[in-house]
């Protein structure tokens, strides 16, 4: 029982996929929460506007979480999360090519949408993990997903700071973090 069960058939594939999905999802979600203010400020926004951008992103995530959870009454949550991650990744790519060139309501709409799709869907990933484990190892399974996933939360701001410190453009750094959320979308579909 316990931890060892997670790595033996029939749970091994689900467990390893869930760990990687959480790691990648945490990396993008925490990149957005930790770096949005700095990236917006570096792109020419005032400090106040950059802080408001982070608030807008977070607000989008809260609303997305509620809506995606509600939509799961009618559609498979795994598919909802995967689709939302793809849309969120595409919106991040759009932000990366337009950052500094767009202002006002367009920036806020883009940020609230990224928060809605990326952070809103990521929050619902916990439900996939809970449902994927039998009752006798459910808390251990979810705890490992979250614990190992949080290493992605630690790594992403460090990676972003390293890239920024080595002269990468803000737009390129945003694109780097599109990769893990797109991989998370694909992996989420494998969580059966």
N, C-alpha and C. Protein backbone atom coordinates (compact mmCIF):
# COMPACT_ATOMS: atom_id res chain seq x y z
N UNK A 1 0.84 -1.20 0.00
CA UNK A 1 0.00 0.00 0.00
C UNK A 1 0.87 1.25 0.00
N UNK A 2 0.26 2.40 -0.09
CA UNK A 2 0.97 3.67 -0.05
C UNK A 2 1.70 4.00 -1.33
N UNK A 3 2.84 4.62 -1.16
CA UNK A 3 3.62 5.15 -2.28
C UNK A 3 3.98 4.09 -3.31
N UNK A 4 4.40 2.91 -2.86
CA UNK A 4 4.81 1.84 -3.77
C UNK A 4 3.73 1.44 -4.76
N UNK A 5 2.48 1.48 -4.33
CA UNK A 5 1.35 1.11 -5.19
C UNK A 5 1.24 2.05 -6.38
N UNK A 6 1.60 3.31 -6.18
CA UNK A 6 1.49 4.30 -7.25
C UNK A 6 2.38 3.96 -8.44
N UNK A 7 3.49 3.27 -8.17
CA UNK A 7 4.46 2.99 -9.22
C UNK A 7 4.38 1.56 -9.76
N UNK A 8 3.34 0.85 -9.34
CA UNK A 8 3.14 -0.51 -9.85
C UNK A 8 1.89 -0.52 -10.73
N UNK A 9 1.87 -1.47 -11.69
CA UNK A 9 0.65 -1.60 -12.49
C UNK A 9 -0.52 -1.89 -11.55
N UNK A 10 -1.68 -1.40 -11.80
CA UNK A 10 -2.12 -0.68 -12.99
C UNK A 10 -2.01 0.84 -12.87
N UNK A 11 -1.46 1.37 -11.77
CA UNK A 11 -1.42 2.81 -11.55
C UNK A 11 -0.16 3.50 -12.09
N UNK A 12 0.85 2.74 -12.46
CA UNK A 12 2.13 3.33 -12.86
C UNK A 12 1.99 4.36 -13.98
N UNK A 13 1.33 3.98 -15.08
CA UNK A 13 1.22 4.88 -16.22
C UNK A 13 0.47 6.16 -15.83
N UNK A 14 -0.64 6.00 -15.13
CA UNK A 14 -1.40 7.17 -14.70
C UNK A 14 -0.54 8.06 -13.80
N UNK A 15 0.15 7.44 -12.85
CA UNK A 15 0.96 8.19 -11.89
C UNK A 15 2.06 8.98 -12.57
N UNK A 16 2.84 8.33 -13.41
CA UNK A 16 3.95 9.02 -14.08
C UNK A 16 3.44 10.13 -15.01
N UNK A 17 2.34 9.86 -15.69
CA UNK A 17 1.75 10.88 -16.57
C UNK A 17 1.23 12.05 -15.74
N UNK A 18 0.57 11.75 -14.64
CA UNK A 18 0.05 12.82 -13.77
C UNK A 18 1.18 13.66 -13.18
N UNK A 19 2.26 13.01 -12.74
CA UNK A 19 3.38 13.76 -12.18
C UNK A 19 3.95 14.73 -13.21
N UNK A 20 4.15 14.24 -14.42
CA UNK A 20 4.71 15.10 -15.47
C UNK A 20 3.73 16.21 -15.85
N UNK A 21 2.45 15.88 -15.91
CA UNK A 21 1.43 16.89 -16.24
C UNK A 21 1.42 17.99 -15.18
N UNK A 22 1.44 17.60 -13.93
CA UNK A 22 1.44 18.60 -12.85
C UNK A 22 2.73 19.42 -12.88
N UNK A 23 3.87 18.79 -13.10
CA UNK A 23 5.14 19.51 -13.17
C UNK A 23 5.07 20.59 -14.26
N UNK A 24 4.66 20.20 -15.45
CA UNK A 24 4.60 21.15 -16.57
C UNK A 24 3.53 22.20 -16.37
N UNK A 25 2.38 21.79 -15.86
CA UNK A 25 1.31 22.75 -15.59
C UNK A 25 1.70 23.77 -14.54
N UNK A 26 2.29 23.29 -13.44
CA UNK A 26 2.78 24.19 -12.40
C UNK A 26 3.82 25.16 -12.97
N UNK A 27 4.68 24.67 -13.85
CA UNK A 27 5.75 25.54 -14.37
C UNK A 27 5.17 26.72 -15.13
N UNK A 28 4.17 26.49 -15.98
CA UNK A 28 3.58 27.60 -16.72
C UNK A 28 2.72 28.47 -15.81
N UNK A 29 1.90 27.86 -14.97
CA UNK A 29 1.02 28.64 -14.09
C UNK A 29 1.84 29.54 -13.16
N UNK A 30 2.91 29.02 -12.61
CA UNK A 30 3.73 29.82 -11.70
C UNK A 30 4.62 30.81 -12.43
N UNK A 31 5.02 30.49 -13.64
CA UNK A 31 5.71 31.49 -14.46
C UNK A 31 4.80 32.69 -14.64
N UNK A 32 3.55 32.44 -15.00
CA UNK A 32 2.61 33.54 -15.21
C UNK A 32 2.39 34.34 -13.94
N UNK A 33 2.19 33.65 -12.81
CA UNK A 33 1.92 34.39 -11.58
C UNK A 33 3.14 35.12 -11.05
N UNK A 34 4.33 34.54 -11.23
CA UNK A 34 5.54 35.15 -10.69
C UNK A 34 6.13 36.24 -11.59
N UNK A 35 5.92 36.13 -12.89
CA UNK A 35 6.62 37.01 -13.81
C UNK A 35 5.75 38.00 -14.60
N UNK A 36 4.45 37.89 -14.51
CA UNK A 36 3.59 38.78 -15.30
C UNK A 36 3.88 40.25 -15.01
N UNK A 37 3.96 40.61 -13.75
CA UNK A 37 4.21 42.01 -13.39
C UNK A 37 5.52 42.51 -13.98
N UNK A 38 6.59 41.74 -13.80
CA UNK A 38 7.90 42.14 -14.31
C UNK A 38 7.93 42.21 -15.83
N UNK A 39 7.31 41.24 -16.48
CA UNK A 39 7.30 41.23 -17.94
C UNK A 39 6.53 42.41 -18.51
N UNK A 40 5.40 42.73 -17.89
CA UNK A 40 4.61 43.87 -18.36
C UNK A 40 5.35 45.19 -18.11
N UNK A 41 5.99 45.28 -16.96
CA UNK A 41 6.77 46.47 -16.65
C UNK A 41 7.94 46.63 -17.64
N UNK A 42 8.62 45.52 -17.91
CA UNK A 42 9.74 45.55 -18.86
C UNK A 42 9.29 45.88 -20.27
N UNK A 43 8.03 45.59 -20.56
CA UNK A 43 7.48 45.87 -21.89
C UNK A 43 7.01 47.31 -22.03
N UNK A 44 7.15 48.10 -20.95
CA UNK A 44 6.84 49.52 -21.05
C UNK A 44 5.64 49.99 -20.26
N UNK A 45 4.97 49.10 -19.56
CA UNK A 45 3.84 49.52 -18.73
C UNK A 45 4.35 50.17 -17.45
N UNK A 46 3.51 51.03 -16.90
CA UNK A 46 3.87 51.60 -15.60
C UNK A 46 3.80 50.49 -14.55
N UNK A 47 4.41 50.74 -13.40
CA UNK A 47 4.40 49.75 -12.32
C UNK A 47 2.97 49.42 -11.91
N UNK A 48 2.14 50.43 -11.80
CA UNK A 48 0.75 50.25 -11.42
C UNK A 48 -0.01 49.41 -12.45
N UNK A 49 0.19 49.69 -13.72
CA UNK A 49 -0.47 48.91 -14.78
C UNK A 49 0.01 47.46 -14.76
N UNK A 50 1.30 47.26 -14.54
CA UNK A 50 1.85 45.90 -14.51
C UNK A 50 1.27 45.10 -13.36
N UNK A 51 1.13 45.72 -12.20
CA UNK A 51 0.52 45.05 -11.05
C UNK A 51 -0.93 44.71 -11.35
N UNK A 52 -1.65 45.66 -11.96
CA UNK A 52 -3.04 45.41 -12.33
C UNK A 52 -3.14 44.26 -13.34
N UNK A 53 -2.15 44.14 -14.20
CA UNK A 53 -2.13 43.04 -15.16
C UNK A 53 -2.09 41.69 -14.47
N UNK A 54 -1.31 41.59 -13.40
CA UNK A 54 -1.24 40.34 -12.64
C UNK A 54 -2.56 40.05 -11.95
N UNK A 55 -3.22 41.10 -11.46
CA UNK A 55 -4.53 40.92 -10.82
C UNK A 55 -5.56 40.44 -11.83
N UNK A 56 -5.54 41.02 -13.02
CA UNK A 56 -6.46 40.62 -14.08
C UNK A 56 -6.24 39.15 -14.47
N UNK A 57 -4.99 38.75 -14.58
CA UNK A 57 -4.64 37.37 -14.90
C UNK A 57 -5.20 36.42 -13.84
N UNK A 58 -5.01 36.75 -12.58
CA UNK A 58 -5.49 35.93 -11.47
C UNK A 58 -7.02 35.86 -11.45
N UNK A 59 -7.66 36.98 -11.71
CA UNK A 59 -9.12 37.01 -11.76
C UNK A 59 -9.65 36.10 -12.86
N UNK A 60 -9.02 36.13 -14.01
CA UNK A 60 -9.40 35.23 -15.09
C UNK A 60 -9.29 33.78 -14.68
N UNK A 61 -8.24 33.44 -13.94
CA UNK A 61 -8.05 32.08 -13.47
C UNK A 61 -9.15 31.63 -12.51
N UNK A 62 -9.57 32.53 -11.63
CA UNK A 62 -10.64 32.18 -10.68
C UNK A 62 -11.94 31.91 -11.43
N UNK A 63 -12.26 32.77 -12.37
CA UNK A 63 -13.50 32.59 -13.14
C UNK A 63 -13.41 31.31 -13.99
N UNK A 64 -12.27 31.10 -14.63
CA UNK A 64 -12.08 29.90 -15.44
C UNK A 64 -12.24 28.63 -14.63
N UNK A 65 -11.69 28.62 -13.44
CA UNK A 65 -11.78 27.45 -12.58
C UNK A 65 -13.24 27.08 -12.31
N UNK A 66 -14.04 28.07 -12.00
CA UNK A 66 -15.46 27.82 -11.73
C UNK A 66 -16.20 27.35 -12.98
N UNK A 67 -15.94 28.00 -14.10
CA UNK A 67 -16.65 27.65 -15.33
C UNK A 67 -16.24 26.27 -15.83
N UNK A 68 -14.95 25.96 -15.83
CA UNK A 68 -14.53 24.64 -16.30
C UNK A 68 -15.05 23.53 -15.39
N UNK A 69 -15.05 23.78 -14.10
CA UNK A 69 -15.61 22.80 -13.17
C UNK A 69 -17.08 22.57 -13.42
N UNK A 70 -17.80 23.63 -13.72
CA UNK A 70 -19.23 23.51 -14.03
C UNK A 70 -19.45 22.78 -15.35
N UNK A 71 -18.65 23.10 -16.35
CA UNK A 71 -18.78 22.44 -17.66
C UNK A 71 -18.55 20.93 -17.58
N UNK A 72 -17.82 20.50 -16.56
CA UNK A 72 -17.53 19.07 -16.40
C UNK A 72 -18.78 18.27 -16.07
N UNK A 73 -19.87 18.93 -15.78
CA UNK A 73 -21.13 18.21 -15.58
C UNK A 73 -21.62 17.61 -16.89
N UNK A 74 -21.25 18.25 -18.02
CA UNK A 74 -21.76 17.82 -19.32
C UNK A 74 -20.69 17.24 -20.23
N UNK A 75 -19.44 17.61 -20.02
CA UNK A 75 -18.35 17.14 -20.87
C UNK A 75 -17.24 16.54 -20.02
N UNK A 76 -16.40 15.76 -20.64
CA UNK A 76 -15.29 15.13 -19.94
C UNK A 76 -14.28 16.20 -19.51
N UNK A 77 -14.01 16.26 -18.22
CA UNK A 77 -13.12 17.28 -17.68
C UNK A 77 -11.73 17.21 -18.32
N UNK A 78 -11.25 16.03 -18.57
CA UNK A 78 -9.93 15.85 -19.20
C UNK A 78 -9.88 16.59 -20.54
N UNK A 79 -10.94 16.46 -21.34
CA UNK A 79 -10.99 17.13 -22.65
C UNK A 79 -11.10 18.65 -22.50
N UNK A 80 -11.86 19.08 -21.51
CA UNK A 80 -12.01 20.52 -21.26
C UNK A 80 -10.66 21.13 -20.89
N UNK A 81 -9.95 20.47 -19.98
CA UNK A 81 -8.65 20.98 -19.54
C UNK A 81 -7.67 21.01 -20.70
N UNK A 82 -7.60 19.94 -21.47
CA UNK A 82 -6.67 19.89 -22.60
C UNK A 82 -6.96 21.01 -23.61
N UNK A 83 -8.24 21.19 -23.94
CA UNK A 83 -8.60 22.25 -24.89
C UNK A 83 -8.26 23.63 -24.33
N UNK A 84 -8.53 23.82 -23.04
CA UNK A 84 -8.23 25.12 -22.42
C UNK A 84 -6.73 25.38 -22.40
N UNK A 85 -5.94 24.36 -22.12
CA UNK A 85 -4.48 24.53 -22.15
C UNK A 85 -4.01 24.94 -23.54
N UNK A 86 -4.57 24.34 -24.57
CA UNK A 86 -4.17 24.69 -25.94
C UNK A 86 -4.55 26.14 -26.24
N UNK A 87 -5.78 26.52 -25.92
CA UNK A 87 -6.20 27.90 -26.16
C UNK A 87 -5.34 28.87 -25.35
N UNK A 88 -5.08 28.54 -24.09
CA UNK A 88 -4.23 29.38 -23.25
C UNK A 88 -2.83 29.51 -23.81
N UNK A 89 -2.27 28.40 -24.30
CA UNK A 89 -0.94 28.44 -24.92
C UNK A 89 -0.91 29.32 -26.16
N UNK A 90 -1.96 29.21 -26.98
CA UNK A 90 -2.04 30.06 -28.18
C UNK A 90 -2.17 31.54 -27.80
N UNK A 91 -2.92 31.82 -26.75
CA UNK A 91 -3.04 33.21 -26.28
C UNK A 91 -1.72 33.73 -25.73
N UNK A 92 -0.97 32.86 -25.05
CA UNK A 92 0.36 33.25 -24.58
C UNK A 92 1.27 33.56 -25.77
N UNK A 93 1.18 32.75 -26.82
CA UNK A 93 1.98 33.00 -28.02
C UNK A 93 1.58 34.33 -28.65
N UNK A 94 0.28 34.61 -28.66
CA UNK A 94 -0.19 35.90 -29.18
C UNK A 94 0.35 37.05 -28.34
N UNK A 95 0.32 36.90 -27.03
CA UNK A 95 0.89 37.92 -26.14
C UNK A 95 2.37 38.12 -26.44
N UNK A 96 3.08 37.04 -26.69
CA UNK A 96 4.52 37.15 -26.91
C UNK A 96 4.85 37.96 -28.16
N UNK A 97 4.01 37.88 -29.18
CA UNK A 97 4.31 38.63 -30.41
C UNK A 97 3.72 40.03 -30.41
N UNK A 98 2.85 40.31 -29.44
CA UNK A 98 2.23 41.64 -29.40
C UNK A 98 2.63 42.46 -28.18
N UNK A 99 3.34 41.86 -27.22
CA UNK A 99 3.67 42.58 -25.99
C UNK A 99 4.48 43.84 -26.32
N UNK A 100 4.10 44.91 -25.72
CA UNK A 100 4.75 46.19 -25.98
C UNK A 100 4.07 46.97 -27.10
N UNK A 101 3.35 46.27 -27.98
CA UNK A 101 2.68 46.94 -29.10
C UNK A 101 1.20 47.17 -28.82
N UNK A 102 0.64 46.41 -27.89
CA UNK A 102 -0.77 46.58 -27.56
C UNK A 102 -0.90 47.24 -26.20
N UNK A 103 -1.98 47.94 -26.01
CA UNK A 103 -2.19 48.65 -24.75
C UNK A 103 -3.66 48.57 -24.36
N UNK A 104 -3.93 49.11 -23.19
CA UNK A 104 -5.30 49.28 -22.72
C UNK A 104 -6.11 48.01 -22.63
N UNK A 105 -7.35 48.11 -23.11
CA UNK A 105 -8.31 47.02 -22.98
C UNK A 105 -7.84 45.74 -23.67
N UNK A 106 -7.07 45.86 -24.74
CA UNK A 106 -6.60 44.68 -25.46
C UNK A 106 -5.66 43.86 -24.57
N UNK A 107 -4.77 44.53 -23.86
CA UNK A 107 -3.86 43.83 -22.94
C UNK A 107 -4.66 43.16 -21.84
N UNK A 108 -5.60 43.88 -21.26
CA UNK A 108 -6.38 43.32 -20.15
C UNK A 108 -7.20 42.13 -20.62
N UNK A 109 -7.79 42.23 -21.81
CA UNK A 109 -8.57 41.12 -22.36
C UNK A 109 -7.69 39.90 -22.59
N UNK A 110 -6.50 40.12 -23.12
CA UNK A 110 -5.57 39.02 -23.36
C UNK A 110 -5.13 38.38 -22.05
N UNK A 111 -4.81 39.19 -21.06
CA UNK A 111 -4.37 38.66 -19.76
C UNK A 111 -5.48 37.91 -19.03
N UNK A 112 -6.68 38.46 -19.02
CA UNK A 112 -7.79 37.77 -18.35
C UNK A 112 -8.08 36.46 -19.07
N UNK A 113 -7.94 36.44 -20.38
CA UNK A 113 -8.17 35.21 -21.15
C UNK A 113 -7.10 34.16 -20.88
N UNK A 114 -5.85 34.58 -20.81
CA UNK A 114 -4.76 33.64 -20.49
C UNK A 114 -4.99 33.07 -19.09
N UNK A 115 -5.32 33.91 -18.14
CA UNK A 115 -5.61 33.42 -16.79
C UNK A 115 -6.79 32.47 -16.78
N UNK A 116 -7.83 32.83 -17.52
CA UNK A 116 -9.04 32.01 -17.61
C UNK A 116 -8.69 30.61 -18.10
N UNK A 117 -7.97 30.54 -19.21
CA UNK A 117 -7.70 29.24 -19.83
C UNK A 117 -6.58 28.46 -19.14
N UNK A 118 -5.45 29.10 -18.86
CA UNK A 118 -4.32 28.36 -18.28
C UNK A 118 -4.56 28.08 -16.80
N UNK A 119 -4.73 29.12 -16.02
CA UNK A 119 -4.87 28.92 -14.57
C UNK A 119 -6.20 28.28 -14.20
N UNK A 120 -7.27 28.65 -14.91
CA UNK A 120 -8.57 28.04 -14.65
C UNK A 120 -8.58 26.55 -14.91
N UNK A 121 -7.97 26.15 -16.01
CA UNK A 121 -7.90 24.72 -16.33
C UNK A 121 -6.96 24.00 -15.38
N UNK A 122 -5.83 24.62 -15.06
CA UNK A 122 -4.86 23.97 -14.18
C UNK A 122 -5.47 23.64 -12.82
N UNK A 123 -6.26 24.53 -12.29
CA UNK A 123 -6.90 24.29 -11.00
C UNK A 123 -7.76 23.03 -11.04
N UNK A 124 -8.40 22.79 -12.17
CA UNK A 124 -9.25 21.60 -12.29
C UNK A 124 -8.48 20.32 -12.52
N UNK A 125 -7.19 20.43 -12.78
CA UNK A 125 -6.36 19.24 -12.93
C UNK A 125 -6.32 18.40 -11.65
N UNK A 126 -6.48 19.05 -10.51
CA UNK A 126 -6.52 18.34 -9.23
C UNK A 126 -7.64 17.30 -9.22
N UNK A 127 -8.77 17.66 -9.82
CA UNK A 127 -9.90 16.73 -9.85
C UNK A 127 -9.57 15.48 -10.64
N UNK A 128 -8.84 15.63 -11.74
CA UNK A 128 -8.44 14.48 -12.55
C UNK A 128 -7.59 13.53 -11.69
N UNK A 129 -6.68 14.09 -10.92
CA UNK A 129 -5.82 13.25 -10.07
C UNK A 129 -6.63 12.55 -8.99
N UNK A 130 -7.55 13.25 -8.38
CA UNK A 130 -8.37 12.66 -7.32
C UNK A 130 -9.18 11.49 -7.87
N UNK A 131 -9.79 11.68 -9.02
CA UNK A 131 -10.64 10.65 -9.61
C UNK A 131 -9.80 9.48 -10.14
N UNK A 132 -8.57 9.74 -10.52
CA UNK A 132 -7.74 8.71 -11.12
C UNK A 132 -7.17 7.68 -10.16
N UNK A 133 -7.23 7.95 -8.87
CA UNK A 133 -6.67 7.03 -7.89
C UNK A 133 -7.78 6.36 -7.08
N UNK A 134 -7.60 5.09 -6.76
CA UNK A 134 -8.58 4.43 -5.89
C UNK A 134 -8.52 5.04 -4.48
N UNK A 135 -9.60 4.89 -3.76
CA UNK A 135 -9.74 5.54 -2.44
C UNK A 135 -8.58 5.25 -1.50
N UNK A 136 -8.06 4.01 -1.51
CA UNK A 136 -7.02 3.65 -0.54
C UNK A 136 -5.69 4.36 -0.77
N UNK A 137 -5.45 4.91 -1.96
CA UNK A 137 -4.19 5.65 -2.22
C UNK A 137 -4.45 7.05 -2.76
N UNK A 138 -5.70 7.50 -2.68
CA UNK A 138 -6.07 8.79 -3.26
C UNK A 138 -5.29 9.95 -2.66
N UNK A 139 -5.19 10.04 -1.36
CA UNK A 139 -4.48 11.17 -0.75
C UNK A 139 -2.99 11.09 -1.05
N UNK A 140 -2.42 9.89 -1.06
CA UNK A 140 -1.00 9.73 -1.40
C UNK A 140 -0.77 10.11 -2.85
N UNK A 141 -1.65 9.65 -3.73
CA UNK A 141 -1.52 9.96 -5.16
C UNK A 141 -1.60 11.44 -5.44
N UNK A 142 -2.62 12.10 -4.89
CA UNK A 142 -2.76 13.54 -5.10
C UNK A 142 -1.61 14.29 -4.46
N UNK A 143 -1.22 13.88 -3.26
CA UNK A 143 -0.11 14.54 -2.57
C UNK A 143 1.18 14.48 -3.37
N UNK A 144 1.44 13.33 -3.98
CA UNK A 144 2.65 13.20 -4.80
C UNK A 144 2.55 14.04 -6.07
N UNK A 145 1.38 14.07 -6.68
CA UNK A 145 1.20 14.92 -7.87
C UNK A 145 1.49 16.38 -7.55
N UNK A 146 0.91 16.84 -6.47
CA UNK A 146 1.08 18.24 -6.09
C UNK A 146 2.51 18.51 -5.62
N UNK A 147 3.04 17.62 -4.81
CA UNK A 147 4.40 17.82 -4.30
C UNK A 147 5.45 17.81 -5.40
N UNK A 148 5.39 16.81 -6.26
CA UNK A 148 6.34 16.76 -7.37
C UNK A 148 6.06 17.86 -8.39
N UNK A 149 4.80 18.16 -8.59
CA UNK A 149 4.43 19.23 -9.51
C UNK A 149 4.98 20.58 -9.07
N UNK A 150 4.99 20.81 -7.78
CA UNK A 150 5.49 22.09 -7.28
C UNK A 150 6.96 22.32 -7.58
N UNK A 151 7.69 21.26 -7.88
CA UNK A 151 9.07 21.48 -8.31
C UNK A 151 9.09 22.24 -9.64
N UNK A 152 8.04 22.08 -10.44
CA UNK A 152 7.90 22.90 -11.65
C UNK A 152 7.66 24.36 -11.30
N UNK A 153 6.94 24.58 -10.20
CA UNK A 153 6.70 25.95 -9.74
C UNK A 153 7.98 26.61 -9.25
N UNK A 154 8.88 25.80 -8.71
CA UNK A 154 10.17 26.32 -8.26
C UNK A 154 11.08 26.57 -9.45
N UNK A 155 11.05 25.64 -10.40
CA UNK A 155 11.95 25.74 -11.55
C UNK A 155 11.60 26.88 -12.49
N UNK A 156 10.33 27.13 -12.73
CA UNK A 156 9.95 28.08 -13.77
C UNK A 156 10.41 29.52 -13.51
N UNK A 157 10.21 30.08 -12.33
CA UNK A 157 10.72 31.44 -12.12
C UNK A 157 12.24 31.52 -12.22
N UNK A 158 12.90 30.45 -11.79
CA UNK A 158 14.35 30.39 -11.88
C UNK A 158 14.79 30.38 -13.34
N UNK A 159 14.13 29.57 -14.13
CA UNK A 159 14.44 29.50 -15.57
C UNK A 159 14.16 30.84 -16.24
N UNK A 160 13.03 31.44 -15.92
CA UNK A 160 12.68 32.75 -16.51
C UNK A 160 13.72 33.80 -16.14
N UNK A 161 14.13 33.83 -14.87
CA UNK A 161 15.15 34.78 -14.45
C UNK A 161 16.47 34.55 -15.14
N UNK A 162 16.84 33.29 -15.30
CA UNK A 162 18.07 32.94 -16.00
C UNK A 162 18.01 33.42 -17.45
N UNK A 163 16.90 33.16 -18.12
CA UNK A 163 16.75 33.56 -19.52
C UNK A 163 16.77 35.08 -19.67
N UNK A 164 16.08 35.76 -18.78
CA UNK A 164 16.07 37.23 -18.82
C UNK A 164 17.46 37.78 -18.53
N UNK A 165 18.15 37.19 -17.57
CA UNK A 165 19.50 37.61 -17.23
C UNK A 165 20.50 37.38 -18.34
N UNK A 166 20.21 36.45 -19.22
CA UNK A 166 21.10 36.17 -20.35
C UNK A 166 20.64 36.84 -21.64
N UNK A 167 19.78 37.85 -21.48
CA UNK A 167 19.44 38.71 -22.60
C UNK A 167 18.34 38.26 -23.53
N UNK A 168 17.60 37.21 -23.18
CA UNK A 168 16.49 36.82 -24.03
C UNK A 168 15.39 37.87 -23.96
N UNK A 169 14.76 38.09 -25.08
CA UNK A 169 13.64 39.02 -25.16
C UNK A 169 12.46 38.49 -24.34
N UNK A 170 11.65 39.40 -23.85
CA UNK A 170 10.47 39.03 -23.08
C UNK A 170 9.58 38.12 -23.91
N UNK A 171 9.42 38.46 -25.17
CA UNK A 171 8.55 37.66 -26.04
C UNK A 171 9.05 36.22 -26.16
N UNK A 172 10.34 36.04 -26.20
CA UNK A 172 10.91 34.69 -26.30
C UNK A 172 10.69 33.91 -25.02
N UNK A 173 10.82 34.57 -23.89
CA UNK A 173 10.62 33.90 -22.60
C UNK A 173 9.17 33.43 -22.48
N UNK A 174 8.23 34.25 -22.91
CA UNK A 174 6.82 33.83 -22.88
C UNK A 174 6.64 32.60 -23.76
N UNK A 175 7.24 32.62 -24.95
CA UNK A 175 7.12 31.47 -25.85
C UNK A 175 7.72 30.19 -25.25
N UNK A 176 8.80 30.33 -24.50
CA UNK A 176 9.40 29.17 -23.85
C UNK A 176 8.38 28.47 -22.96
N UNK A 177 7.55 29.25 -22.26
CA UNK A 177 6.58 28.68 -21.34
C UNK A 177 5.26 28.28 -22.00
N UNK A 178 5.16 28.51 -23.31
CA UNK A 178 4.04 27.94 -24.05
C UNK A 178 4.27 26.43 -24.21
N UNK A 179 5.52 26.03 -24.33
CA UNK A 179 5.85 24.62 -24.55
C UNK A 179 5.31 23.72 -23.43
N UNK A 180 5.58 24.02 -22.15
CA UNK A 180 5.07 23.10 -21.12
C UNK A 180 3.55 23.04 -21.04
N UNK A 181 2.87 24.14 -21.33
CA UNK A 181 1.40 24.08 -21.23
C UNK A 181 0.82 23.29 -22.39
N UNK A 182 1.47 23.36 -23.56
CA UNK A 182 1.01 22.54 -24.69
C UNK A 182 1.28 21.06 -24.42
N UNK A 183 2.41 20.74 -23.83
CA UNK A 183 2.70 19.36 -23.45
C UNK A 183 1.70 18.88 -22.39
N UNK A 184 1.34 19.77 -21.47
CA UNK A 184 0.35 19.42 -20.45
C UNK A 184 -1.00 19.10 -21.08
N UNK A 185 -1.35 19.81 -22.14
CA UNK A 185 -2.61 19.54 -22.83
C UNK A 185 -2.62 18.11 -23.36
N UNK A 186 -1.54 17.73 -24.02
CA UNK A 186 -1.44 16.38 -24.58
C UNK A 186 -1.45 15.33 -23.47
N UNK A 187 -0.66 15.57 -22.43
CA UNK A 187 -0.59 14.61 -21.32
C UNK A 187 -1.93 14.46 -20.58
N UNK A 188 -2.65 15.56 -20.47
CA UNK A 188 -3.95 15.50 -19.80
C UNK A 188 -4.88 14.51 -20.50
N UNK A 189 -4.80 14.47 -21.82
CA UNK A 189 -5.64 13.54 -22.58
C UNK A 189 -5.26 12.08 -22.30
N UNK A 190 -4.04 11.86 -21.85
CA UNK A 190 -3.59 10.50 -21.54
C UNK A 190 -3.94 10.05 -20.12
N UNK A 191 -4.46 10.97 -19.32
CA UNK A 191 -4.79 10.64 -17.92
C UNK A 191 -6.13 9.90 -17.85
N UNK A 192 -6.06 8.61 -18.08
CA UNK A 192 -7.29 7.78 -18.06
C UNK A 192 -7.13 6.67 -17.05
